[in-house]
Amino acid sequence: RLRLIAFVRMGGSFLHRKDVGGGVESGDHGKSTATPDETIGLEGTKPSAARPSRSYFKSKLMLIITKWKGSNNEPPRPFTSMESIWSFFGSFLTLLMLLYYSDAISKRWPGYSLVGGPFGALMTLQYSLTAAPASQPRNAILGQAISVSIAIGMTYTRLEQNVKKALATSLAIMCMARLGVTHPPAGAAALIFAGGGYSWAHLGIMLSGNILAILSATLINDMNVKRQYPTFWGFGYLPRLLFGSHEKSKSA
């Protein structure tokens, strides 16, 4: 008797789920089995997407205002007098060396010299933001190479001058961010070089100036017991980036 009851129940539930002949649920007889796409096609029109409400824009505006107020983080502490003096002498000696180096280049090859603007920004990073990622040698060299290359390449286009400058600088910023080598002085260099009047020889001159600045900053900063420069070299990631290797590269 128990087996008979179980059999009847199983058969009834099966028939309730699916009709053997047509595959239509028994509880849905008389209802349309068309898919949503077919229903749209039959009706001829697709329901319009709901437009953002006024409360949506209000919440977005309030979020922007809240972010604009800041996150209540404390600003960085100022340098002590001795640290500030150390930054002064470091930047002064390094810039003096670079300026004499630029004069030597001009005497040897008239018309060529260092473009000084980006190096003023570089001194700020190396002697006041010593531990910042943007200050490190990898970012300084690769960021400068990428930005100046893009800027000089942009001078071969026929775009309007302001468009060249804006486009070259923006492309440089994008590429540096994508490759993890953001370097603010390189963005300044892109804006300057995109204006024209520079050749590919200037790229080599700028890179050599960066190398000299890095060597000088390494010596001067590391003489101070409270400083360390660089905090990393990081050139070991290049093979993985260029050739797609997923193996962990050793730091340079």
C-alpha atoms as a PDB file:
ATOM      1  CA  ARG A   1       0.000   0.000   0.000  1.00  0.00           C
ATOM      2  CA  LEU A   2       2.812   2.398   0.847  1.00  0.00           C
ATOM      3  CA  ARG A   3       4.507   1.634  -2.485  1.00  0.00           C
ATOM      4  CA  LEU A   4       1.247   2.335  -4.343  1.00  0.00           C
ATOM      5  CA  ILE A   5       0.794   5.677  -2.562  1.00  0.00           C
ATOM      6  CA  ALA A   6       4.405   6.692  -3.339  1.00  0.00           C
ATOM      7  CA  PHE A   7       3.996   5.726  -6.992  1.00  0.00           C
ATOM      8  CA  VAL A   8       0.766   7.753  -7.339  1.00  0.00           C
ATOM      9  CA  ARG A   9       2.385  10.764  -5.709  1.00  0.00           C
ATOM     10  CA  MET A  10       5.442  10.595  -7.948  1.00  0.00           C
ATOM     11  CA  GLY A  11       3.332  10.295 -11.053  1.00  0.00           C
ATOM     12  CA  GLY A  12       1.108  13.167 -10.042  1.00  0.00           C
ATOM     13  CA  SER A  13       4.029  15.505  -9.332  1.00  0.00           C
ATOM     14  CA  PHE A  14       5.609  14.618 -12.653  1.00  0.00           C
ATOM     15  CA  LEU A  15       2.408  15.363 -14.550  1.00  0.00           C
ATOM     16  CA  HIS A  16       2.049  18.574 -12.604  1.00  0.00           C
ATOM     17  CA  ARG A  17       5.520  19.745 -13.612  1.00  0.00           C
ATOM     18  CA  LYS A  18       5.435  18.985 -17.272  1.00  0.00           C
ATOM     19  CA  ASP A  19       2.857  17.846 -19.759  1.00  0.00           C
ATOM     20  CA  VAL A  20       4.268  14.810 -21.588  1.00  0.00           C
ATOM     21  CA  GLY A  21       3.064  15.936 -25.004  1.00  0.00           C
ATOM     22  CA  GLY A  22       3.766  19.668 -25.206  1.00  0.00           C
ATOM     23  CA  GLY A  23       6.230  20.563 -22.462  1.00  0.00           C
ATOM     24  CA  VAL A  24       3.802  23.145 -20.995  1.00  0.00           C
ATOM     25  CA  GLU A  25       3.457  23.406 -17.245  1.00  0.00           C
ATOM     26  CA  SER A  26       0.039  22.183 -16.178  1.00  0.00           C
ATOM     27  CA  GLY A  27      -0.442  25.127 -13.881  1.00  0.00           C
ATOM     28  CA  ASP A  28       0.200  27.582 -16.703  1.00  0.00           C
ATOM     29  CA  HIS A  29      -2.363  26.402 -19.277  1.00  0.00           C
ATOM     30  CA  GLY A  30      -3.658  29.321 -21.263  1.00  0.00           C
ATOM     31  CA  LYS A  31      -0.664  31.515 -20.493  1.00  0.00           C
ATOM     32  CA  SER A  32       1.799  32.613 -23.169  1.00  0.00           C
ATOM     33  CA  THR A  33       5.086  30.679 -23.289  1.00  0.00           C
ATOM     34  CA  ALA A  34       6.857  33.236 -25.456  1.00  0.00           C
ATOM     35  CA  THR A  35      10.289  34.393 -24.401  1.00  0.00           C
ATOM     36  CA  PRO A  36      10.845  38.030 -23.374  1.00  0.00           C
ATOM     37  CA  ASP A  37      12.417  38.770 -26.756  1.00  0.00           C
ATOM     38  CA  GLU A  38       9.448  37.223 -28.554  1.00  0.00           C
ATOM     39  CA  THR A  39       7.067  39.237 -26.400  1.00  0.00           C
ATOM     40  CA  ILE A  40       8.933  42.411 -27.357  1.00  0.00           C
ATOM     41  CA  GLY A  41       8.690  41.455 -30.998  1.00  0.00           C
ATOM     42  CA  LEU A  42       4.944  40.770 -30.752  1.00  0.00           C
ATOM     43  CA  GLU A  43       4.209  44.000 -28.963  1.00  0.00           C
ATOM     44  CA  GLY A  44       6.441  45.927 -31.344  1.00  0.00           C
ATOM     45  CA  THR A  45       7.956  48.147 -28.695  1.00  0.00           C
ATOM     46  CA  LYS A  46      10.515  47.576 -25.963  1.00  0.00           C
ATOM     47  CA  PRO A  47       9.864  49.101 -22.538  1.00  0.00           C
ATOM     48  CA  SER A  48      11.966  52.240 -22.168  1.00  0.00           C
ATOM     49  CA  ALA A  49      14.713  52.246 -19.539  1.00  0.00           C
ATOM     50  CA  ALA A  50      13.866  54.100 -16.394  1.00  0.00           C
ATOM     51  CA  ARG A  51      15.342  57.567 -16.378  1.00  0.00           C
ATOM     52  CA  PRO A  52      17.484  58.607 -13.416  1.00  0.00           C
ATOM     53  CA  SER A  53      15.345  60.294 -10.838  1.00  0.00           C
ATOM     54  CA  ARG A  54      15.973  63.655  -9.256  1.00  0.00           C
ATOM     55  CA  SER A  55      16.988  61.934  -6.031  1.00  0.00           C
ATOM     56  CA  TYR A  56      19.749  60.076  -7.948  1.00  0.00           C
ATOM     57  CA  PHE A  57      21.374  63.313  -9.113  1.00  0.00           C
ATOM     58  CA  LYS A  58      20.945  64.805  -5.668  1.00  0.00           C
ATOM     59  CA  SER A  59      22.734  61.869  -4.043  1.00  0.00           C
ATOM     60  CA  LYS A  60      25.582  62.136  -6.577  1.00  0.00           C
ATOM     61  CA  LEU A  61      25.931  65.850  -5.879  1.00  0.00           C
ATOM     62  CA  MET A  62      26.004  65.250  -2.132  1.00  0.00           C
ATOM     63  CA  LEU A  63      28.682  62.582  -2.597  1.00  0.00           C
ATOM     64  CA  ILE A  64      30.868  65.008  -4.558  1.00  0.00           C
ATOM     65  CA  ILE A  65      30.419  67.697  -1.913  1.00  0.00           C
ATOM     66  CA  THR A  66      31.288  65.214   0.842  1.00  0.00           C
ATOM     67  CA  LYS A  67      34.495  64.185  -0.947  1.00  0.00           C
ATOM     68  CA  TRP A  68      35.368  67.817  -1.589  1.00  0.00           C
ATOM     69  CA  LYS A  69      35.413  68.434   2.168  1.00  0.00           C
ATOM     70  CA  GLY A  70      38.310  65.985   2.528  1.00  0.00           C
ATOM     71  CA  SER A  71      38.752  62.806   4.528  1.00  0.00           C
ATOM     72  CA  ASN A  72      40.027  64.447   7.737  1.00  0.00           C
ATOM     73  CA  ASN A  73      43.540  63.097   7.239  1.00  0.00           C
ATOM     74  CA  GLU A  74      46.270  65.031   8.963  1.00  0.00           C
ATOM     75  CA  PRO A  75      48.634  66.936   6.634  1.00  0.00           C
ATOM     76  CA  PRO A  76      52.272  65.790   6.640  1.00  0.00           C
ATOM     77  CA  ARG A  77      54.439  67.306   9.319  1.00  0.00           C
ATOM     78  CA  PRO A  78      56.878  70.042   8.270  1.00  0.00           C
ATOM     79  CA  PHE A  79      60.595  69.351   8.098  1.00  0.00           C
ATOM     80  CA  THR A  80      62.828  70.299  10.962  1.00  0.00           C
ATOM     81  CA  SER A  81      65.286  73.128  10.389  1.00  0.00           C
ATOM     82  CA  MET A  82      68.169  70.701   9.855  1.00  0.00           C
ATOM     83  CA  GLU A  83      66.183  68.609   7.385  1.00  0.00           C
ATOM     84  CA  SER A  84      65.187  71.724   5.452  1.00  0.00           C
ATOM     85  CA  ILE A  85      68.821  72.879   5.304  1.00  0.00           C
ATOM     86  CA  TRP A  86      69.836  69.433   4.059  1.00  0.00           C
ATOM     87  CA  SER A  87      67.234  69.706   1.272  1.00  0.00           C
ATOM     88  CA  PHE A  88      68.574  73.145   0.382  1.00  0.00           C
ATOM     89  CA  PHE A  89      72.168  72.035   0.030  1.00  0.00           C
ATOM     90  CA  GLY A  90      71.184  68.842  -1.797  1.00  0.00           C
ATOM     91  CA  SER A  91      69.116  70.626  -4.420  1.00  0.00           C
ATOM     92  CA  PHE A  92      71.610  73.495  -4.722  1.00  0.00           C
ATOM     93  CA  LEU A  93      74.622  71.255  -5.323  1.00  0.00           C
ATOM     94  CA  THR A  94      72.764  68.957  -7.723  1.00  0.00           C
ATOM     95  CA  LEU A  95      71.304  71.817  -9.767  1.00  0.00           C
ATOM     96  CA  LEU A  96      74.681  73.542  -9.909  1.00  0.00           C
ATOM     97  CA  MET A  97      76.233  70.368 -11.274  1.00  0.00           C
ATOM     98  CA  LEU A  98      73.444  69.990 -13.859  1.00  0.00           C
ATOM     99  CA  LEU A  99      73.748  73.593 -15.016  1.00  0.00           C
ATOM    100  CA  TYR A 100      77.486  73.259 -15.550  1.00  0.00           C
ATOM    101  CA  TYR A 101      76.833  70.001 -17.371  1.00  0.00           C
ATOM    102  CA  SER A 102      74.329  71.785 -19.612  1.00  0.00           C
ATOM    103  CA  ASP A 103      76.861  74.558 -20.355  1.00  0.00           C
ATOM    104  CA  ALA A 104      79.461  71.943 -21.294  1.00  0.00           C
ATOM    105  CA  ILE A 105      77.012  70.362 -23.733  1.00  0.00           C
ATOM    106  CA  SER A 106      76.212  73.730 -25.287  1.00  0.00           C
ATOM    107  CA  LYS A 107      79.879  74.495 -25.828  1.00  0.00           C
ATOM    108  CA  ARG A 108      80.531  71.098 -27.377  1.00  0.00           C
ATOM    109  CA  TRP A 109      77.309  70.980 -29.441  1.00  0.00           C
ATOM    110  CA  PRO A 110      75.815  74.444 -29.960  1.00  0.00           C
ATOM    111  CA  GLY A 111      72.033  74.419 -29.854  1.00  0.00           C
ATOM    112  CA  TYR A 112      71.813  71.540 -27.399  1.00  0.00           C
ATOM    113  CA  SER A 113      71.400  71.751 -23.637  1.00  0.00           C
ATOM    114  CA  LEU A 114      69.363  70.454 -20.750  1.00  0.00           C
ATOM    115  CA  VAL A 115      65.785  71.701 -20.492  1.00  0.00           C
ATOM    116  CA  GLY A 116      65.868  72.981 -16.934  1.00  0.00           C
ATOM    117  CA  GLY A 117      62.200  73.114 -15.911  1.00  0.00           C
ATOM    118  CA  PRO A 118      61.653  69.411 -15.179  1.00  0.00           C
ATOM    119  CA  PHE A 119      64.845  69.260 -13.113  1.00  0.00           C
ATOM    120  CA  GLY A 120      63.553  71.900 -10.709  1.00  0.00           C
ATOM    121  CA  ALA A 121      60.577  69.606 -10.067  1.00  0.00           C
ATOM    122  CA  LEU A 122      62.920  66.619  -9.789  1.00  0.00           C
ATOM    123  CA  MET A 123      64.918  68.339  -7.030  1.00  0.00           C
ATOM    124  CA  THR A 124      61.705  68.879  -5.066  1.00  0.00           C
ATOM    125  CA  LEU A 125      60.955  65.172  -5.236  1.00  0.00           C
ATOM    126  CA  GLN A 126      64.444  63.906  -4.494  1.00  0.00           C
ATOM    127  CA  TYR A 127      65.133  66.172  -1.507  1.00  0.00           C
ATOM    128  CA  SER A 128      61.681  66.866  -0.034  1.00  0.00           C
ATOM    129  CA  LEU A 129      59.713  63.721  -0.980  1.00  0.00           C
ATOM    130  CA  THR A 130      62.606  61.297  -0.874  1.00  0.00           C
ATOM    131  CA  ALA A 131      60.566  58.166  -0.147  1.00  0.00           C
ATOM    132  CA  ALA A 132      57.726  58.891  -2.597  1.00  0.00           C
ATOM    133  CA  PRO A 133      57.353  56.340  -5.432  1.00  0.00           C
ATOM    134  CA  ALA A 134      57.411  59.148  -8.007  1.00  0.00           C
ATOM    135  CA  SER A 135      60.882  60.153  -6.772  1.00  0.00           C
ATOM    136  CA  GLN A 136      62.543  56.785  -7.342  1.00  0.00           C
ATOM    137  CA  PRO A 137      65.069  56.129 -10.149  1.00  0.00           C
ATOM    138  CA  ARG A 138      62.785  53.802 -12.105  1.00  0.00           C
ATOM    139  CA  ASN A 139      60.061  56.421 -12.341  1.00  0.00           C
ATOM    140  CA  ALA A 140      62.522  59.221 -13.094  1.00  0.00           C
ATOM    141  CA  ILE A 141      64.246  57.436 -15.978  1.00  0.00           C
ATOM    142  CA  LEU A 142      61.360  55.510 -17.536  1.00  0.00           C
ATOM    143  CA  GLY A 143      58.833  58.285 -17.005  1.00  0.00           C
ATOM    144  CA  GLN A 144      61.154  60.812 -18.644  1.00  0.00           C
ATOM    145  CA  ALA A 145      61.908  58.487 -21.571  1.00  0.00           C
ATOM    146  CA  ILE A 146      58.229  57.781 -22.228  1.00  0.00           C
ATOM    147  CA  SER A 147      57.077  61.393 -21.933  1.00  0.00           C
ATOM    148  CA  VAL A 148      59.795  62.996 -24.032  1.00  0.00           C
ATOM    149  CA  SER A 149      59.420  60.320 -26.724  1.00  0.00           C
ATOM    150  CA  ILE A 150      55.673  60.917 -26.965  1.00  0.00           C
ATOM    151  CA  ALA A 151      56.151  64.698 -27.028  1.00  0.00           C
ATOM    152  CA  ILE A 152      58.793  64.675 -29.771  1.00  0.00           C
ATOM    153  CA  GLY A 153      56.738  62.205 -31.788  1.00  0.00           C
ATOM    154  CA  MET A 154      53.737  64.514 -31.492  1.00  0.00           C
ATOM    155  CA  THR A 155      55.666  67.340 -33.180  1.00  0.00           C
ATOM    156  CA  TYR A 156      55.553  65.363 -36.446  1.00  0.00           C
ATOM    157  CA  THR A 157      51.766  65.654 -36.578  1.00  0.00           C
ATOM    158  CA  ARG A 158      49.838  68.504 -38.207  1.00  0.00           C
ATOM    159  CA  LEU A 159      47.671  69.195 -35.201  1.00  0.00           C
ATOM    160  CA  GLU A 160      47.157  72.689 -33.870  1.00  0.00           C
ATOM    161  CA  GLN A 161      49.857  73.712 -31.392  1.00  0.00           C
ATOM    162  CA  ASN A 162      47.707  73.759 -28.261  1.00  0.00           C
ATOM    163  CA  VAL A 163      46.158  70.419 -29.185  1.00  0.00           C
ATOM    164  CA  LYS A 164      49.653  68.928 -29.602  1.00  0.00           C
ATOM    165  CA  LYS A 165      50.721  70.067 -26.165  1.00  0.00           C
ATOM    166  CA  ALA A 166      47.564  68.923 -24.404  1.00  0.00           C
ATOM    167  CA  LEU A 167      47.442  65.595 -26.229  1.00  0.00           C
ATOM    168  CA  ALA A 168      51.133  64.763 -25.741  1.00  0.00           C
ATOM    169  CA  THR A 169      51.029  65.562 -22.026  1.00  0.00           C
ATOM    170  CA  SER A 170      47.812  63.607 -21.475  1.00  0.00           C
ATOM    171  CA  LEU A 171      49.133  60.590 -23.375  1.00  0.00           C
ATOM    172  CA  ALA A 172      52.338  60.708 -21.336  1.00  0.00           C
ATOM    173  CA  ILE A 173      50.392  60.814 -18.076  1.00  0.00           C
ATOM    174  CA  MET A 174      48.205  57.910 -19.194  1.00  0.00           C
ATOM    175  CA  CYS A 175      51.163  55.739 -20.255  1.00  0.00           C
ATOM    176  CA  MET A 176      53.123  56.439 -17.086  1.00  0.00           C
ATOM    177  CA  ALA A 177      50.113  55.541 -14.957  1.00  0.00           C
ATOM    178  CA  ARG A 178      49.488  52.341 -16.911  1.00  0.00           C
ATOM    179  CA  LEU A 179      53.118  51.240 -16.600  1.00  0.00           C
ATOM    180  CA  GLY A 180      53.419  52.254 -12.956  1.00  0.00           C
ATOM    181  CA  VAL A 181      56.152  54.859 -13.519  1.00  0.00           C
ATOM    182  CA  THR A 182      54.326  58.111 -12.776  1.00  0.00           C
ATOM    183  CA  HIS A 183      56.813  60.975 -12.538  1.00  0.00           C
ATOM    184  CA  PRO A 184      55.501  64.588 -12.371  1.00  0.00           C
ATOM    185  CA  PRO A 185      58.623  66.222 -13.889  1.00  0.00           C
ATOM    186  CA  ALA A 186      58.170  63.983 -16.927  1.00  0.00           C
ATOM    187  CA  GLY A 187      54.675  65.396 -17.414  1.00  0.00           C
ATOM    188  CA  ALA A 188      56.198  68.882 -17.404  1.00  0.00           C
ATOM    189  CA  ALA A 189      58.808  67.744 -19.933  1.00  0.00           C
ATOM    190  CA  ALA A 190      56.084  66.435 -22.239  1.00  0.00           C
ATOM    191  CA  LEU A 191      54.342  69.811 -22.207  1.00  0.00           C
ATOM    192  CA  ILE A 192      57.595  71.619 -23.017  1.00  0.00           C
ATOM    193  CA  PHE A 193      58.872  69.268 -25.715  1.00  0.00           C
ATOM    194  CA  ALA A 194      55.538  69.065 -27.511  1.00  0.00           C
ATOM    195  CA  GLY A 195      55.920  72.745 -28.358  1.00  0.00           C
ATOM    196  CA  GLY A 196      58.557  71.837 -30.955  1.00  0.00           C
ATOM    197  CA  GLY A 197      62.132  72.894 -31.577  1.00  0.00           C
ATOM    198  CA  TYR A 198      63.673  69.773 -30.067  1.00  0.00           C
ATOM    199  CA  SER A 199      65.252  66.695 -31.632  1.00  0.00           C
ATOM    200  CA  TRP A 200      65.761  63.127 -30.521  1.00  0.00           C
ATOM    201  CA  ALA A 201      69.219  64.089 -29.275  1.00  0.00           C
ATOM    202  CA  HIS A 202      67.505  66.037 -26.507  1.00  0.00           C
ATOM    203  CA  LEU A 203      66.011  62.782 -25.251  1.00  0.00           C
ATOM    204  CA  GLY A 204      69.475  61.395 -24.597  1.00  0.00           C
ATOM    205  CA  ILE A 205      70.564  64.651 -22.965  1.00  0.00           C
ATOM    206  CA  MET A 206      67.566  64.619 -20.626  1.00  0.00           C
ATOM    207  CA  LEU A 207      68.125  61.002 -19.658  1.00  0.00           C
ATOM    208  CA  SER A 208      71.796  61.635 -18.943  1.00  0.00           C
ATOM    209  CA  GLY A 209      70.795  64.579 -16.746  1.00  0.00           C
ATOM    210  CA  ASN A 210      68.381  62.358 -14.842  1.00  0.00           C
ATOM    211  CA  ILE A 211      71.085  59.758 -14.265  1.00  0.00           C
ATOM    212  CA  LEU A 212      73.444  62.408 -12.887  1.00  0.00           C
ATOM    213  CA  ALA A 213      70.695  63.756 -10.626  1.00  0.00           C
ATOM    214  CA  ILE A 214      69.958  60.258  -9.316  1.00  0.00           C
ATOM    215  CA  LEU A 215      73.618  59.606  -8.531  1.00  0.00           C
ATOM    216  CA  SER A 216      73.910  62.924  -6.738  1.00  0.00           C
ATOM    217  CA  ALA A 217      70.689  62.390  -4.745  1.00  0.00           C
ATOM    218  CA  THR A 218      71.836  58.903  -3.752  1.00  0.00           C
ATOM    219  CA  LEU A 219      75.087  60.253  -2.350  1.00  0.00           C
ATOM    220  CA  ILE A 220      73.717  63.337  -0.597  1.00  0.00           C
ATOM    221  CA  ASN A 221      70.571  61.789   0.888  1.00  0.00           C
ATOM    222  CA  ASP A 222      72.307  58.667   2.145  1.00  0.00           C
ATOM    223  CA  MET A 223      74.824  60.767   4.055  1.00  0.00           C
ATOM    224  CA  ASN A 224      71.904  61.724   6.306  1.00  0.00           C
ATOM    225  CA  VAL A 225      71.061  59.001   8.854  1.00  0.00           C
ATOM    226  CA  LYS A 226      67.348  59.890   8.653  1.00  0.00           C
ATOM    227  CA  ARG A 227      67.099  59.501   4.884  1.00  0.00           C
ATOM    228  CA  GLN A 228      67.379  56.733   2.354  1.00  0.00           C
ATOM    229  CA  TYR A 229      67.406  57.159  -1.394  1.00  0.00           C
ATOM    230  CA  PRO A 230      66.360  55.245  -3.330  1.00  0.00           C
ATOM    231  CA  THR A 231      63.839  53.131  -1.467  1.00  0.00           C
ATOM    232  CA  PHE A 232      63.753  50.796  -4.489  1.00  0.00           C
ATOM    233  CA  TRP A 233      65.245  50.480  -7.971  1.00  0.00           C
ATOM    234  CA  GLY A 234      62.568  48.265  -9.457  1.00  0.00           C
ATOM    235  CA  PHE A 235      63.896  47.775 -12.978  1.00  0.00           C
ATOM    236  CA  GLY A 236      63.529  44.003 -12.643  1.00  0.00           C
ATOM    237  CA  TYR A 237      59.841  44.190 -13.555  1.00  0.00           C
ATOM    238  CA  LEU A 238      60.590  45.271 -17.126  1.00  0.00           C
ATOM    239  CA  PRO A 239      61.109  41.780 -18.630  1.00  0.00           C
ATOM    240  CA  ARG A 240      57.812  40.632 -17.152  1.00  0.00           C
ATOM    241  CA  LEU A 241      56.048  43.726 -18.464  1.00  0.00           C
ATOM    242  CA  LEU A 242      57.541  43.528 -21.958  1.00  0.00           C
ATOM    243  CA  PHE A 243      57.519  39.767 -22.525  1.00  0.00           C
ATOM    244  CA  GLY A 244      54.495  38.738 -20.487  1.00  0.00           C
ATOM    245  CA  SER A 245      56.335  36.493 -18.062  1.00  0.00           C
ATOM    246  CA  HIS A 246      54.276  35.673 -14.986  1.00  0.00           C
ATOM    247  CA  GLU A 247      57.259  34.680 -12.939  1.00  0.00           C
ATOM    248  CA  LYS A 248      58.232  36.959 -10.124  1.00  0.00           C
ATOM    249  CA  SER A 249      61.184  39.017 -11.216  1.00  0.00           C
ATOM    250  CA  LYS A 250      63.929  39.777  -8.754  1.00  0.00           C
ATOM    251  CA  SER A 251      64.299  43.425  -7.849  1.00  0.00           C
ATOM    252  CA  ALA A 252      67.184  45.108  -9.635  1.00  0.00           C
END
